[in-house]
Protein backbone atom coordinates (compact mmCIF):
# COMPACT_ATOMS: atom_id res chain seq x y z
CA MET A 1 -52.02 -19.01 -8.84
CA ILE A 2 -53.18 -22.64 -10.28
CA ILE A 3 -51.44 -23.96 -12.88
CA CYS A 4 -52.53 -26.96 -14.96
CA GLY A 5 -49.67 -28.15 -17.70
CA VAL A 6 -50.76 -30.93 -20.12
CA LYS A 7 -48.03 -32.91 -22.90
CA LEU A 8 -49.96 -33.43 -25.91
CA THR A 9 -47.93 -35.67 -27.70
CA HIS A 10 -46.21 -39.34 -26.84
CA ASP A 11 -46.38 -40.12 -23.25
CA GLY A 12 -49.36 -37.47 -23.23
CA GLY A 13 -50.54 -36.36 -19.37
CA VAL A 14 -52.02 -33.22 -17.26
CA ALA A 15 -50.65 -31.99 -13.98
CA LEU A 16 -52.11 -29.12 -11.23
CA ILE A 17 -50.41 -27.17 -8.82
CA ASP A 18 -51.98 -24.66 -7.01
CA ASN A 19 -50.10 -22.58 -4.92
CA GLY A 20 -47.05 -24.28 -5.23
CA ARG A 21 -48.91 -28.00 -4.43
CA LEU A 22 -49.30 -30.61 -6.92
CA VAL A 23 -52.75 -31.92 -6.44
CA PHE A 24 -51.80 -34.33 -9.52
CA SER A 25 -50.04 -35.40 -12.20
CA VAL A 26 -51.50 -38.14 -14.92
CA GLU A 27 -49.99 -40.03 -17.63
CA MET A 28 -52.71 -41.01 -19.95
CA GLU A 29 -50.73 -44.58 -19.81
CA LYS A 30 -51.99 -45.11 -16.94
CA LEU A 31 -55.06 -44.81 -17.21
CA ALA A 32 -57.68 -47.96 -18.08
CA ASN A 33 -54.70 -49.92 -18.99
CA ASN A 34 -54.08 -47.33 -22.06
CA PRO A 35 -51.36 -48.35 -24.60
CA ARG A 36 -47.61 -47.07 -23.26
CA HIS A 37 -46.72 -43.73 -24.53
CA GLN A 38 -50.10 -43.03 -24.98
CA ARG A 39 -50.68 -39.91 -26.81
CA VAL A 40 -54.11 -36.91 -25.43
CA ASP A 41 -56.17 -36.29 -28.23
CA ASP A 42 -59.11 -34.62 -26.87
CA LEU A 43 -58.78 -32.67 -24.38
CA GLN A 44 -62.13 -33.27 -22.30
CA VAL A 45 -59.89 -35.57 -20.72
CA VAL A 46 -58.16 -32.57 -19.05
CA VAL A 47 -61.54 -30.70 -18.08
CA GLU A 48 -62.02 -34.61 -16.27
CA LEU A 49 -59.43 -35.46 -14.21
CA LEU A 50 -59.74 -31.32 -13.09
CA ALA A 51 -63.20 -32.41 -12.22
CA GLY A 52 -62.04 -35.67 -10.17
CA HIS A 53 -60.05 -33.56 -8.11
CA GLY A 54 -63.05 -30.83 -7.12
CA TYR A 55 -61.40 -28.21 -9.61
CA ARG A 56 -63.29 -26.29 -13.67
CA LEU A 57 -61.45 -25.42 -16.18
CA SER A 58 -62.41 -21.91 -15.27
CA ASP A 59 -60.32 -22.37 -12.27
CA VAL A 60 -57.24 -22.47 -13.65
CA ASP A 61 -54.91 -19.70 -13.87
CA ARG A 62 -51.94 -20.69 -16.50
CA LEU A 63 -53.21 -23.50 -19.13
CA VAL A 64 -49.09 -24.18 -20.35
CA ILE A 65 -48.91 -26.74 -22.47
CA ASP A 66 -45.53 -28.74 -23.93
CA GLY A 67 -43.37 -27.47 -26.98
CA TRP A 68 -43.19 -29.93 -29.34
CA ARG A 69 -41.97 -29.41 -33.60
CA LYS A 70 -45.08 -28.30 -34.99
CA THR A 71 -48.78 -27.65 -34.61
CA HIS A 72 -50.80 -30.62 -32.78
CA LYS A 73 -54.28 -31.60 -33.42
CA VAL A 74 -56.39 -32.19 -31.17
CA LYS A 75 -60.05 -32.10 -30.40
CA PRO A 76 -61.14 -29.57 -28.29
CA TRP A 77 -63.14 -31.33 -25.44
CA GLY A 78 -64.92 -33.38 -27.68
CA GLY A 79 -65.83 -31.62 -31.05
CA GLN A 80 -63.93 -30.78 -34.28
CA GLU A 81 -60.42 -31.31 -34.60
CA ALA A 82 -58.32 -27.82 -34.53
CA LEU A 83 -54.86 -27.22 -34.23
CA ILE A 84 -53.12 -26.05 -31.79
CA ASP A 85 -49.38 -23.98 -32.01
CA LEU A 86 -47.29 -24.98 -30.19
CA ALA A 87 -43.73 -23.98 -29.01
CA PRO A 88 -40.68 -26.11 -30.25
CA TYR A 89 -38.27 -28.40 -29.08
CA ARG A 90 -35.62 -26.31 -27.79
CA ARG A 91 -35.71 -23.05 -28.80
CA GLY A 92 -37.30 -20.31 -30.55
CA LEU A 93 -35.98 -17.60 -33.38
CA LEU A 94 -35.41 -15.02 -31.35
CA ASP A 95 -32.66 -16.11 -28.25
CA ASP A 96 -31.99 -18.84 -26.22
CA ASN A 97 -34.56 -17.79 -23.78
CA LEU A 98 -35.23 -21.49 -22.25
CA LEU A 99 -38.41 -19.64 -20.27
CA ARG A 100 -39.73 -17.21 -23.46
CA PRO A 101 -43.13 -19.09 -23.48
CA TYR A 102 -44.91 -18.48 -26.98
CA THR A 103 -48.98 -17.34 -26.22
CA SER A 104 -51.81 -18.73 -28.02
CA ARG A 105 -55.41 -19.98 -27.87
CA ILE A 106 -57.80 -22.11 -28.92
CA LEU A 107 -61.19 -21.40 -28.63
CA ASP A 108 -62.11 -18.88 -26.63
CA LEU A 109 -58.94 -20.25 -24.33
CA GLU A 110 -55.74 -18.53 -23.65
CA TYR A 111 -53.00 -20.58 -23.15
CA THR A 112 -49.09 -20.83 -23.28
CA SER A 113 -46.55 -23.06 -24.81
CA TYR A 114 -42.61 -23.46 -23.59
CA PRO A 115 -39.61 -25.18 -25.50
CA HIS A 116 -40.03 -28.67 -24.21
CA TYR A 117 -36.72 -28.87 -23.18
CA ALA A 118 -37.63 -26.05 -20.63
CA GLY A 119 -40.34 -28.53 -18.86
CA HIS A 120 -37.71 -31.05 -18.48
CA VAL A 121 -35.22 -28.59 -16.99
CA ALA A 122 -37.79 -26.77 -15.03
CA SER A 123 -39.42 -30.15 -14.03
CA ALA A 124 -36.17 -30.60 -12.41
CA TYR A 125 -34.92 -27.67 -10.55
CA CYS A 126 -38.90 -27.51 -9.14
CA SER A 127 -38.64 -30.44 -7.85
CA SER A 128 -35.23 -30.86 -6.52
CA PRO A 129 -34.29 -29.65 -2.82
CA PHE A 130 -32.09 -27.63 -3.86
CA ALA A 131 -35.38 -25.43 -5.46
CA GLY A 132 -36.31 -25.93 -1.31
CA ASN A 133 -32.97 -25.19 -0.05
CA THR A 134 -33.16 -21.71 -2.97
CA GLU A 135 -29.75 -23.04 -3.28
CA PRO A 136 -28.45 -22.48 -7.27
CA SER A 137 -27.67 -25.59 -9.50
CA TYR A 138 -26.56 -26.55 -12.58
CA ILE A 139 -28.88 -28.86 -14.61
CA LEU A 140 -28.48 -31.68 -17.37
CA CYS A 141 -30.66 -32.19 -19.92
CA TRP A 142 -30.02 -35.05 -22.51
CA ASP A 143 -33.02 -36.11 -24.04
CA GLY A 144 -33.61 -38.31 -27.46
CA ALA A 145 -33.70 -35.67 -30.45
CA MET A 146 -31.36 -33.19 -28.83
CA PHE A 147 -27.54 -32.80 -27.47
CA PRO A 148 -27.11 -32.66 -23.94
CA PHE A 149 -27.09 -28.98 -22.50
CA LEU A 150 -25.87 -27.96 -19.40
CA TYR A 151 -27.91 -24.86 -18.06
CA HIS A 152 -27.14 -22.72 -14.50
CA TYR A 153 -30.31 -22.00 -12.67
CA ASP A 154 -29.73 -18.95 -10.03
CA PRO A 155 -33.01 -18.47 -7.54
CA VAL A 156 -32.18 -15.52 -6.58
CA SER A 157 -32.04 -13.36 -9.67
CA ARG A 158 -34.21 -15.77 -11.29
CA THR A 159 -31.98 -16.18 -14.52
CA MET A 160 -31.93 -19.64 -16.34
CA GLU A 161 -28.23 -19.11 -18.29
CA ASN A 162 -27.77 -22.22 -21.08
CA LEU A 163 -23.83 -22.83 -21.14
CA GLY A 164 -23.94 -24.98 -24.15
CA ALA A 165 -23.60 -28.65 -25.63
CA VAL A 166 -21.68 -31.22 -23.34
CA HIS A 167 -21.03 -32.92 -26.57
CA HIS A 168 -22.77 -33.10 -30.33
CA MET A 169 -24.41 -36.54 -29.60
CA LEU A 170 -28.06 -36.69 -29.68
CA GLY A 171 -29.90 -38.62 -26.69
CA ASP A 172 -30.82 -41.44 -29.94
CA THR A 173 -27.30 -42.78 -30.59
CA TYR A 174 -27.51 -45.29 -27.84
CA HIS A 175 -30.18 -47.10 -29.20
CA THR A 176 -29.81 -45.93 -33.28
CA LEU A 177 -26.09 -46.97 -32.84
CA ALA A 178 -27.17 -50.85 -30.77
CA GLN A 179 -29.09 -51.77 -33.65
CA LEU A 180 -26.22 -52.11 -36.11
CA TYR A 181 -26.05 -54.96 -33.32
CA PRO A 182 -27.92 -58.52 -32.67
CA PRO A 183 -30.20 -58.87 -30.60
CA PHE A 184 -31.30 -54.93 -31.67
CA ASP A 185 -30.90 -54.96 -35.58
CA THR A 186 -33.93 -56.04 -36.05
CA PRO A 187 -35.41 -53.16 -37.64
CA MET A 188 -38.36 -51.20 -35.09
CA GLU A 189 -40.30 -48.06 -36.17
CA TRP A 190 -40.56 -45.34 -33.46
CA PRO A 191 -42.33 -45.74 -30.94
CA HIS A 192 -41.16 -48.89 -30.15
CA THR A 193 -37.77 -47.53 -29.95
CA LEU A 194 -38.11 -45.93 -26.64
CA ALA A 195 -38.63 -49.37 -25.17
CA LEU A 196 -34.47 -49.93 -26.44
CA PRO A 197 -32.28 -47.66 -24.13
CA GLY A 198 -33.84 -50.06 -20.68
CA LYS A 199 -33.67 -53.43 -22.85
CA ILE A 200 -29.60 -52.23 -23.63
CA MET A 201 -28.80 -51.03 -21.01
CA ALA A 202 -29.60 -54.63 -18.98
CA TYR A 203 -28.28 -56.53 -21.80
CA ILE A 204 -24.77 -54.99 -21.73
CA ALA A 205 -24.01 -57.53 -19.10
CA TYR A 206 -23.14 -59.75 -21.55
CA GLY A 207 -20.13 -58.10 -23.09
CA LYS A 208 -17.46 -56.26 -21.91
CA PRO A 209 -15.86 -52.51 -23.49
CA ASP A 210 -13.15 -53.21 -25.99
CA GLY A 211 -10.00 -51.02 -26.22
CA ARG A 212 -10.38 -51.08 -30.18
CA ALA A 213 -14.26 -50.02 -29.84
CA LEU A 214 -13.80 -47.13 -28.06
CA GLN A 215 -11.03 -46.06 -29.70
CA ALA A 216 -12.63 -46.33 -32.77
CA LEU A 217 -15.49 -44.47 -32.02
CA SER A 218 -13.34 -41.78 -30.17
CA ARG A 219 -12.15 -40.84 -33.61
CA LEU A 220 -15.02 -41.46 -35.44
CA ARG A 221 -17.08 -39.47 -33.22
CA ALA A 222 -13.80 -36.60 -33.80
CA GLU A 223 -14.02 -37.19 -37.48
CA VAL A 224 -17.68 -36.84 -38.38
CA GLU A 225 -18.43 -33.69 -36.10
CA ARG A 226 -15.54 -32.03 -37.89
CA GLU A 227 -16.73 -32.54 -41.05
CA VAL A 228 -20.24 -31.78 -40.01
CA LEU A 229 -19.85 -28.92 -37.85
CA GLY A 230 -16.87 -27.29 -38.63
CA PRO A 231 -12.99 -27.22 -37.61
CA ASP A 232 -14.34 -24.80 -34.53
CA GLU A 233 -17.19 -25.47 -31.82
CA PRO A 234 -20.20 -23.34 -33.58
CA ALA A 235 -22.16 -20.71 -31.77
CA ASP A 236 -24.79 -22.70 -29.56
CA ASP A 237 -27.63 -21.29 -32.43
CA GLN A 238 -26.61 -23.39 -34.69
CA LEU A 239 -26.41 -26.87 -32.69
CA THR A 240 -29.77 -27.75 -34.22
CA GLU A 241 -31.73 -31.07 -34.50
CA ALA A 242 -30.57 -31.83 -38.16
CA ALA A 243 -26.68 -31.26 -37.34
CA GLY A 244 -27.00 -34.06 -34.90
CA ARG A 245 -28.91 -36.38 -36.88
CA ARG A 246 -26.12 -35.95 -39.98
CA ILE A 247 -23.24 -36.74 -37.37
CA LEU A 248 -25.36 -40.08 -35.77
CA ALA A 249 -26.04 -40.62 -39.44
CA LEU A 250 -22.21 -41.03 -40.16
CA MET A 251 -21.40 -42.51 -37.08
CA ARG A 252 -23.70 -45.57 -38.09
CA GLU A 253 -22.69 -45.70 -41.43
CA ARG A 254 -18.88 -45.48 -41.07
CA LEU A 255 -18.89 -47.53 -37.74
CA ALA A 256 -16.94 -51.10 -38.20
CA VAL A 257 -14.82 -52.89 -35.99
CA PRO A 258 -13.47 -56.02 -37.28
CA ASP A 259 -13.15 -58.69 -34.23
CA VAL A 260 -15.15 -57.22 -31.78
CA SER A 261 -17.99 -59.00 -31.04
CA ALA A 262 -21.86 -57.50 -31.11
CA ASP A 263 -21.90 -58.34 -27.05
CA ASP A 264 -18.63 -56.43 -26.48
CA MET A 265 -19.45 -53.71 -29.34
CA LEU A 266 -22.69 -52.77 -27.60
CA ALA A 267 -21.18 -52.99 -24.22
CA SER A 268 -17.99 -50.28 -25.79
CA ILE A 269 -21.53 -48.58 -27.35
CA HIS A 270 -22.84 -47.85 -23.46
CA ALA A 271 -18.78 -47.34 -22.11
CA PHE A 272 -17.92 -44.71 -24.91
CA LEU A 273 -21.09 -42.60 -24.14
CA GLY A 274 -21.37 -42.49 -20.51
CA GLN A 275 -17.54 -41.47 -20.77
CA SER A 276 -17.79 -38.71 -23.15
CA LEU A 277 -20.94 -37.34 -20.73
CA VAL A 278 -18.73 -37.56 -17.27
CA ASP A 279 -15.94 -36.00 -19.74
CA GLY A 280 -17.87 -33.12 -21.32
CA LEU A 281 -19.92 -32.23 -18.26
CA THR A 282 -16.46 -32.24 -16.02
CA THR A 283 -14.95 -29.89 -19.04
CA LYS A 284 -18.06 -27.73 -18.91
CA ILE A 285 -18.58 -27.28 -15.02
CA ARG A 286 -15.01 -26.61 -14.21
CA ALA A 287 -14.56 -24.13 -17.32
CA ASP A 288 -17.60 -22.37 -15.97
CA GLY A 289 -15.72 -21.99 -12.81
CA ARG A 290 -18.63 -20.99 -10.33
CA GLY A 291 -18.36 -23.37 -7.75
CA THR A 292 -22.02 -24.49 -7.75
CA ARG A 293 -21.81 -28.28 -6.49
CA ASN A 294 -25.61 -29.09 -6.96
CA LEU A 295 -26.22 -30.52 -10.35
CA CYS A 296 -30.16 -31.71 -11.54
CA LEU A 297 -29.86 -34.73 -14.34
CA ILE A 298 -33.30 -34.64 -16.35
CA GLY A 299 -34.39 -36.11 -20.06
CA GLY A 300 -34.90 -39.55 -21.55
CA CYS A 301 -31.10 -40.26 -20.66
CA ALA A 302 -30.94 -39.76 -17.01
CA LEU A 303 -32.85 -43.03 -16.83
CA ASN A 304 -29.70 -44.90 -17.31
CA ILE A 305 -29.05 -45.79 -14.00
CA LYS A 306 -24.71 -46.93 -15.04
CA TRP A 307 -24.35 -43.46 -16.37
CA ASN A 308 -26.15 -41.53 -12.64
CA ARG A 309 -23.95 -43.57 -11.35
CA ASP A 310 -20.72 -42.61 -13.13
CA VAL A 311 -21.61 -39.37 -13.08
CA ARG A 312 -22.04 -39.17 -9.42
CA ALA A 313 -18.65 -41.21 -8.62
CA ALA A 314 -17.31 -38.72 -10.73
CA GLY A 315 -17.44 -35.89 -8.02
CA ILE A 316 -18.45 -33.16 -10.35
CA ALA A 317 -20.72 -32.51 -7.55
CA ASP A 318 -21.58 -33.18 -4.15
CA HIS A 319 -25.16 -33.59 -4.85
CA VAL A 320 -26.92 -35.11 -7.64
CA TRP A 321 -30.95 -34.92 -8.15
CA ILE A 322 -32.84 -37.04 -10.47
CA PRO A 323 -36.53 -36.56 -10.02
CA PRO A 324 -38.73 -39.97 -10.37
CA PHE A 325 -40.34 -38.94 -13.82
CA PRO A 326 -36.84 -37.73 -15.82
CA ASN A 327 -38.23 -38.69 -19.01
CA ASP A 328 -41.41 -37.36 -20.82
CA ALA A 329 -43.86 -38.88 -18.11
CA GLY A 330 -42.81 -35.29 -16.20
CA SER A 331 -43.65 -33.27 -19.74
CA ALA A 332 -46.86 -32.69 -18.57
CA LEU A 333 -45.56 -31.33 -14.84
CA GLY A 334 -42.71 -29.37 -16.39
CA ALA A 335 -44.49 -27.41 -18.35
CA ALA A 336 -46.52 -26.29 -15.38
CA CYS A 337 -43.16 -25.77 -13.83
CA CYS A 338 -41.78 -23.53 -16.64
CA GLU A 339 -45.06 -21.23 -15.05
CA LEU A 340 -42.98 -21.29 -11.91
CA LEU A 341 -40.42 -20.49 -12.42
CA ARG A 342 -41.89 -17.32 -14.27
CA SER A 343 -44.00 -16.49 -12.00
CA PRO A 344 -43.40 -14.83 -8.36
CA GLY A 345 -43.02 -16.50 -5.41
CA PRO A 346 -41.23 -19.40 -4.72
CA SER A 347 -39.85 -21.67 -6.98
CA HIS A 348 -39.79 -24.97 -4.90
CA LEU A 349 -42.58 -27.67 -5.75
CA ASP A 350 -44.31 -29.35 -3.28
CA TRP A 351 -45.10 -32.65 -4.59
CA ASP A 352 -45.43 -35.96 -3.66
CA THR A 353 -44.36 -39.22 -5.16
CA TYR A 354 -47.51 -40.83 -5.64
CA SER A 355 -49.45 -37.84 -7.33
CA GLY A 356 -51.10 -40.58 -10.38
CA PRO A 357 -54.47 -41.53 -10.72
CA ALA A 358 -55.94 -43.02 -8.22
CA LEU A 359 -57.02 -46.74 -7.82
CA GLY A 360 -60.12 -47.51 -9.16
CA ALA A 361 -63.31 -49.62 -6.77
CA PRO A 362 -62.72 -53.22 -6.27
CA ASP A 363 -64.25 -55.20 -8.45
CA ILE A 364 -64.39 -58.61 -7.58
CA LEU A 365 -64.42 -61.55 -10.82
CA PRO A 366 -66.64 -64.66 -9.74
CA ASP A 367 -63.55 -66.76 -9.37
CA TRP A 368 -61.51 -64.91 -6.55
CA GLN A 369 -62.23 -64.76 -3.07
CA ALA A 370 -61.64 -61.78 -0.88
CA THR A 371 -59.60 -62.52 2.54
CA PRO A 372 -58.67 -59.76 5.00
CA CYS A 373 -54.23 -59.13 5.23
CA LYS A 374 -52.77 -56.59 7.21
CA PRO A 375 -49.34 -55.89 5.71
CA ALA A 376 -47.81 -58.08 8.06
CA LYS A 377 -49.86 -61.02 7.16
CA LEU A 378 -48.80 -60.44 4.02
CA ALA A 379 -45.44 -60.23 4.50
CA ALA A 380 -45.93 -64.09 6.21
CA TRP A 381 -47.89 -64.64 3.30
CA LEU A 382 -45.01 -64.00 0.89
CA HIS A 383 -42.41 -65.93 3.45
CA GLU A 384 -44.28 -68.98 3.38
CA SER A 385 -46.15 -69.05 0.15
CA GLY A 386 -42.47 -67.87 -1.79
CA SER A 387 -44.88 -66.54 -4.41
CA PRO A 388 -45.14 -63.19 -6.23
CA VAL A 389 -48.26 -61.21 -5.59
CA VAL A 390 -49.39 -57.87 -7.10
CA VAL A 391 -49.62 -55.21 -4.75
CA LEU A 392 -51.77 -51.73 -5.69
CA GLN A 393 -52.78 -48.65 -2.39
CA GLY A 394 -53.60 -45.29 -3.47
CA ARG A 395 -52.69 -43.00 -6.16
CA ALA A 396 -50.30 -44.40 -8.49
CA GLU A 397 -46.62 -43.55 -8.84
CA LEU A 398 -45.24 -40.28 -10.30
CA GLY A 399 -43.24 -41.54 -13.83
CA PRO A 400 -42.06 -44.82 -15.60
CA ARG A 401 -40.93 -46.71 -11.78
CA ALA A 402 -43.26 -48.93 -10.17
CA LEU A 403 -42.44 -47.72 -6.64
CA GLY A 404 -44.63 -50.05 -4.36
CA HIS A 405 -48.13 -48.66 -5.46
CA ARG A 406 -48.46 -50.43 -8.59
CA SER A 407 -45.75 -53.21 -7.99
CA ILE A 408 -45.89 -56.76 -8.23
CA LEU A 409 -43.73 -57.91 -5.02
CA ALA A 410 -42.04 -61.41 -4.71
CA PRO A 411 -39.49 -63.41 -2.73
CA ALA A 412 -35.96 -62.70 -4.01
CA VAL A 413 -34.30 -65.65 -2.35
CA GLU A 414 -34.28 -68.21 -5.40
CA SER A 415 -32.78 -67.36 -9.25
CA ALA A 416 -36.03 -69.01 -10.35
CA MET A 417 -38.12 -66.05 -9.53
CA LYS A 418 -36.31 -63.77 -11.61
CA VAL A 419 -37.08 -66.35 -14.49
CA ARG A 420 -40.81 -66.55 -13.30
CA LEU A 421 -41.52 -62.69 -13.04
CA ASN A 422 -39.53 -62.67 -16.58
CA GLU A 423 -41.76 -64.92 -18.02
CA VAL A 424 -45.08 -63.74 -16.53
CA LYS A 425 -44.41 -60.36 -17.62
CA GLY A 426 -43.36 -61.45 -21.12
CA ARG A 427 -39.34 -59.79 -20.68
CA GLU A 428 -36.57 -61.03 -22.50
CA ALA A 429 -34.54 -63.51 -19.96
CA TYR A 430 -31.80 -60.95 -20.05
CA ARG A 431 -33.73 -58.15 -18.08
CA PRO A 432 -32.95 -57.62 -14.58
CA VAL A 433 -35.92 -57.42 -11.53
CA ALA A 434 -35.35 -55.21 -9.50
CA PRO A 435 -34.50 -55.30 -5.06
CA ILE A 436 -37.17 -52.86 -2.69
CA CYS A 437 -34.94 -52.76 0.32
CA LEU A 438 -35.58 -51.31 3.84
CA GLU A 439 -32.74 -47.82 3.36
CA SER A 440 -31.16 -48.70 7.04
CA ARG A 441 -30.22 -52.18 5.65
CA ALA A 442 -29.03 -50.85 1.52
CA PRO A 443 -25.52 -50.39 2.31
CA GLU A 444 -25.18 -53.96 4.11
CA VAL A 445 -26.86 -55.75 0.99
CA PHE A 446 -25.25 -53.29 -2.16
CA ASN A 447 -22.43 -51.15 -2.60
CA PRO A 448 -22.33 -48.24 -2.40
CA GLY A 449 -26.17 -48.66 -0.93
CA THR A 450 -27.05 -44.91 -0.31
CA PRO A 451 -30.90 -43.76 -0.28
CA ASP A 452 -32.12 -44.31 -4.18
CA PRO A 453 -36.24 -44.08 -2.99
CA TYR A 454 -36.38 -44.04 -6.96
CA MET A 455 -34.46 -46.71 -8.36
CA LEU A 456 -32.09 -44.12 -10.31
CA PHE A 457 -28.48 -45.57 -9.55
CA ASP A 458 -26.51 -48.63 -9.97
CA HIS A 459 -25.43 -50.50 -7.14
CA GLU A 460 -23.63 -53.37 -6.48
CA VAL A 461 -24.18 -56.68 -4.71
CA ARG A 462 -22.00 -57.18 -2.31
CA GLU A 463 -19.99 -61.12 -2.58
CA SER A 464 -21.82 -62.00 0.66
CA TRP A 465 -25.26 -60.99 -0.58
CA ARG A 466 -25.07 -62.99 -4.06
CA ASP A 467 -26.43 -65.97 -2.90
CA ARG A 468 -28.65 -64.49 -0.40
CA VAL A 469 -31.08 -63.24 -3.20
CA PRO A 470 -30.03 -64.27 -6.51
CA ALA A 471 -33.17 -63.29 -8.15
CA VAL A 472 -32.15 -59.40 -7.84
CA CYS A 473 -28.83 -59.65 -8.82
CA HIS A 474 -28.23 -58.97 -12.58
CA LEU A 475 -25.47 -61.10 -14.77
CA ASP A 476 -22.74 -58.12 -14.00
CA GLY A 477 -23.39 -58.16 -10.38
CA THR A 478 -25.59 -55.09 -10.16
CA ALA A 479 -28.74 -53.67 -9.06
CA ARG A 480 -31.58 -51.00 -9.51
CA VAL A 481 -32.23 -50.97 -6.42
CA GLN A 482 -35.10 -48.59 -4.91
CA THR A 483 -34.89 -48.15 -0.74
CA VAL A 484 -37.34 -47.70 1.41
CA GLY A 485 -37.90 -45.79 5.21
CA PRO A 486 -39.98 -44.81 7.42
CA GLN A 487 -40.33 -41.34 5.75
CA ASP A 488 -41.02 -43.13 2.08
CA ASP A 489 -44.11 -44.97 1.72
CA GLY A 490 -45.01 -46.37 5.73
CA LEU A 491 -46.82 -49.50 3.89
CA ILE A 492 -44.42 -50.74 1.95
CA PHE A 493 -41.78 -49.69 5.03
CA GLU A 494 -44.19 -52.20 6.95
CA ILE A 495 -44.29 -55.06 4.81
CA LEU A 496 -40.37 -54.91 4.60
CA SER A 497 -39.45 -54.72 8.05
CA GLU A 498 -42.47 -57.49 8.45
CA TYR A 499 -40.72 -59.80 5.76
CA GLU A 500 -37.19 -59.20 7.19
CA ALA A 501 -38.32 -59.97 10.97
CA LEU A 502 -39.64 -63.92 9.41
CA SER A 503 -36.48 -64.34 6.75
CA ALA A 504 -33.52 -62.46 7.85
CA ILE A 505 -33.92 -60.28 4.50
CA PRO A 506 -34.62 -56.91 3.97
CA LEU A 507 -35.64 -57.20 0.42
CA LEU A 508 -38.48 -58.34 -2.55
CA CYS A 509 -37.93 -58.49 -5.95
CA ASN A 510 -40.28 -55.02 -7.32
CA THR A 511 -41.18 -55.07 -10.32
CA SER A 512 -44.27 -52.95 -12.39
CA ALA A 513 -47.78 -54.25 -12.34
CA ASN A 514 -48.97 -54.06 -15.19
CA LEU A 515 -50.27 -55.49 -19.49
CA ASN A 516 -47.79 -55.93 -21.37
CA GLY A 517 -47.21 -52.67 -23.21
CA SER A 518 -49.82 -50.67 -21.25
CA GLY A 519 -49.41 -48.50 -18.45
CA PHE A 520 -50.04 -49.84 -14.51
CA PHE A 521 -53.07 -51.62 -14.26
CA PRO A 522 -55.96 -48.86 -12.93
CA ASP A 523 -57.26 -51.17 -10.14
CA VAL A 524 -57.37 -54.81 -8.32
CA ARG A 525 -59.85 -56.16 -11.23
CA SER A 526 -57.45 -55.58 -14.12
CA ALA A 527 -55.17 -57.51 -12.17
CA MET A 528 -57.34 -60.21 -11.68
CA GLU A 529 -58.18 -60.60 -15.66
CA TRP A 530 -54.14 -61.13 -16.43
CA GLY A 531 -54.07 -63.24 -13.53
CA LYS A 532 -50.57 -64.47 -14.01
CA VAL A 533 -49.46 -64.35 -10.76
CA PRO A 534 -51.41 -66.39 -7.97
CA ALA A 535 -52.31 -63.30 -5.79
CA VAL A 536 -53.19 -59.73 -5.41
CA TRP A 537 -53.34 -57.74 -2.40
CA SER A 538 -55.02 -53.93 -1.85
CA ASP A 539 -56.24 -51.57 0.75
CA ASP A 540 -56.22 -54.84 3.81
CA VAL A 541 -57.44 -57.44 1.65
CA LEU A 542 -55.59 -60.44 -0.24
CA TYR A 543 -57.60 -61.77 -3.32
CA GLU A 544 -56.94 -65.66 -4.41
CA ARG A 545 -58.54 -67.64 -6.92
CA HIS A 546 -60.81 -70.13 -5.50
């Protein structure tokens, strides 16, 4: 069966699954230097992406569109605008069956839509090792406009069960409460608020959780939940976004803790929400009593590496899985995975991290020169020059993290490199720079240093290494590590191995290669035109200015 998934709204994308194998998953922001969170406004892009991989629209057995809150206006294949009916954000009116399909048509083309939450949950399970082993798993989904809901999927009976909300705070609580305090108190409109959680997570290193603030937040949450939801926990069909918005509005209105600094309040909000997640998740799983020791985390909140670390450290599950596309970057793929779960046959997705758009043909600007450069020579260039280089190779990564195919790599041995990279990227000075590290050496440099190929867990930089790799050491001594083993990306593994042989340092700085406010560079020329680092490397060629 050939399934095409489409996400029309923000973070729009198109994905194709052919008999359980992911052919591609392309986000609109990664095409032609499009703006971040670009939508799909013309369905002609679906036809073009299919054709680029040798498929026609008529080859598709199931066209699946991610659900949202309402109809969506698009141009069907370059023609007049039309309204497309979408499934709801989380559920319908008949029941809470997450995988209930909503069928409709546009012109003569039939399509299916699933709730937005269904796509998140389906992509988490189908991409997980649990699906490959036909094992059951809990799936926690916490997205911006919904409570964190816990699901259980049994691949034998093929049933998805909703176990209810872990707590009654929306994912938007994080950035909404943080906007009460500087430096985040400047009014900001959506979708620009989508960038706030990552900035807040970085900035909290300036503060520490304060006991008075934590107690005030706990009391306030209990108070407003009783006021909005009543004295008893409501049935699941009463847990609406409207109730969540009311709870959030009351918390924002009444949150006041005298004598606690703004920095400590931000750290306290982060700690309070993280602890609420761990406590509620632990209570739900223990009450369920099924004994399943697998857990998937998904939704925009699963990009919070510190909460992910806390969940894993809590011992709730033996194995915690997060795909590299937990936010809406994975929603087109998630829509297709909904159909995969409902179709006969295996629910496991055969996928590769680098299934995004292919790199465009090189087009050299006149003031740049090209020199043959194998990975070993690039490692030597990095070691000798001490400079950053844009690395573009193959197909782009899935999800929001640059994982070596659309990256800026640089030595981490000088603290000034973090300053330099933040300046060329136009980022705030408090933002950390991530390390990309050989998997075999990661436990020596980081705690715990366990395999983390998608940069989704927080690690502590060991004391003995902080002076050796200061550029990747955050203000609080942590790092968002990407580990690379020989089974991951062979080229990046070779670069790191050769660099280690020269420097005795098993890691480099790694940040995304993109224009500020846009997706990854789609080709070498874009990186040259940007021109804020001295070199670009692609397909065994090093490009430098004359």
